Amino acid sequence: MSSTPYTPISYVYLTTLSEMLAKHLHRSEATISAWITGHARLFSRLRSGQGCNAHTYQDALVWFSSNWPNDLEWPSDIPRPTPPQSTQEVSSC
């Protein structure tokens, strides 16, 4: 079971983050999607009104938070999840 705090689902959060990161890195959103999910369709699906499951959503937000460039400001209107602790840190408690 994941110890990552729940973040309310807003597909606009994911599409905003993907757009910003793609522009910053000079990559396509399909490339960003492939890095996160292993396929290029996540953000195009969200924009077309299709969704994703809660695990994919949460995993994508955590991926963005863990991989966000230091020289790009995280949007203030999007809650930033705290990346989960490593297994070693959790087991030492």
Protein backbone atom coordinates (compact mmCIF):
# COMPACT_ATOMS: atom_id res chain seq x y z
CA MET A 1 0.00 0.00 0.00
CA SER A 2 1.32 3.43 -0.96
CA SER A 3 2.17 5.95 1.73
CA THR A 4 1.95 8.85 -0.74
CA PRO A 5 -0.67 11.38 0.41
CA TYR A 6 -3.75 11.57 -1.79
CA THR A 7 -3.89 14.46 -4.25
CA PRO A 8 -7.32 15.39 -5.67
CA ILE A 9 -7.61 14.42 -9.34
CA SER A 10 -7.48 17.29 -11.81
CA TYR A 11 -6.42 16.33 -15.31
CA VAL A 12 -5.61 20.00 -15.91
CA TYR A 13 -2.76 19.60 -13.41
CA LEU A 14 -1.17 16.84 -15.49
CA THR A 15 -1.68 18.54 -18.84
CA THR A 16 -0.30 21.83 -17.47
CA LEU A 17 2.77 20.11 -16.06
CA SER A 18 3.37 18.15 -19.26
CA GLU A 19 3.03 21.26 -21.40
CA MET A 20 5.44 23.24 -19.23
CA LEU A 21 8.03 20.47 -19.02
CA ALA A 22 7.85 19.65 -22.73
CA LYS A 23 8.39 23.30 -23.63
CA HIS A 24 11.23 23.66 -21.12
CA LEU A 25 13.04 20.52 -22.35
CA HIS A 26 12.20 21.07 -26.04
CA ARG A 27 10.51 17.67 -26.18
CA SER A 28 7.02 16.60 -27.18
CA GLU A 29 4.33 15.80 -24.66
CA ALA A 30 4.23 12.32 -26.21
CA THR A 31 7.87 11.88 -25.17
CA ILE A 32 7.10 13.06 -21.63
CA SER A 33 4.15 10.64 -21.52
CA ALA A 34 6.37 7.77 -22.67
CA TRP A 35 8.89 8.54 -19.94
CA ILE A 36 6.14 8.40 -17.32
CA THR A 37 3.83 5.63 -18.52
CA GLY A 38 5.73 3.76 -21.24
CA HIS A 39 3.33 4.96 -23.95
CA ALA A 40 2.82 8.29 -25.70
CA ARG A 41 -0.94 8.69 -25.30
CA LEU A 42 -1.57 9.86 -21.74
CA PHE A 43 -1.83 13.61 -22.30
CA SER A 44 -3.62 13.34 -25.64
CA ARG A 45 -6.17 11.06 -23.95
CA LEU A 46 -6.71 13.52 -21.11
CA ARG A 47 -7.15 16.43 -23.52
CA SER A 48 -9.69 14.47 -25.56
CA GLY A 49 -11.89 13.94 -22.50
CA GLN A 50 -10.76 10.42 -21.70
CA GLY A 51 -9.31 9.78 -18.30
CA CYS A 52 -6.80 7.62 -16.54
CA ASN A 53 -7.02 5.57 -13.38
CA ALA A 54 -6.13 7.01 -9.99
CA HIS A 55 -2.84 5.09 -9.80
CA THR A 56 -1.65 6.43 -13.16
CA TYR A 57 -2.66 9.94 -12.13
CA GLN A 58 -0.86 9.77 -8.78
CA ASP A 59 2.20 8.08 -10.30
CA ALA A 60 2.41 10.81 -12.95
CA LEU A 61 2.21 13.60 -10.35
CA VAL A 62 4.91 11.96 -8.25
CA TRP A 63 7.05 11.48 -11.38
CA PHE A 64 6.71 15.17 -12.24
CA SER A 65 7.60 16.18 -8.69
CA SER A 66 10.62 13.85 -8.58
CA ASN A 67 11.92 14.87 -12.01
CA TRP A 68 11.02 18.56 -12.13
CA PRO A 69 14.02 20.69 -13.21
CA ASN A 70 15.48 23.01 -10.58
CA ASP A 71 15.51 25.88 -13.07
CA LEU A 72 11.77 25.65 -13.76
CA GLU A 73 9.33 26.95 -11.16
CA TRP A 74 6.59 24.53 -10.11
CA PRO A 75 3.17 26.14 -10.77
CA SER A 76 1.83 27.67 -7.56
CA ASP A 77 -1.75 26.57 -8.30
CA ILE A 78 -0.81 22.86 -8.50
CA PRO A 79 -0.21 20.99 -5.23
CA ARG A 80 3.21 19.35 -5.37
CA PRO A 81 3.32 15.86 -3.89
CA THR A 82 6.24 14.79 -1.79
CA PRO A 83 8.08 11.91 -3.47
CA PRO A 84 7.81 8.66 -1.48
CA GLN A 85 10.72 7.65 0.73
CA SER A 86 13.02 4.94 -0.52
CA THR A 87 12.51 1.39 0.73
CA GLN A 88 15.66 1.62 2.86
CA GLU A 89 14.43 4.72 4.65
CA VAL A 90 11.03 3.17 5.35
CA SER A 91 12.45 -0.12 6.65
CA SER A 92 14.77 1.64 9.11
CA CYS A 93 11.90 3.21 11.06
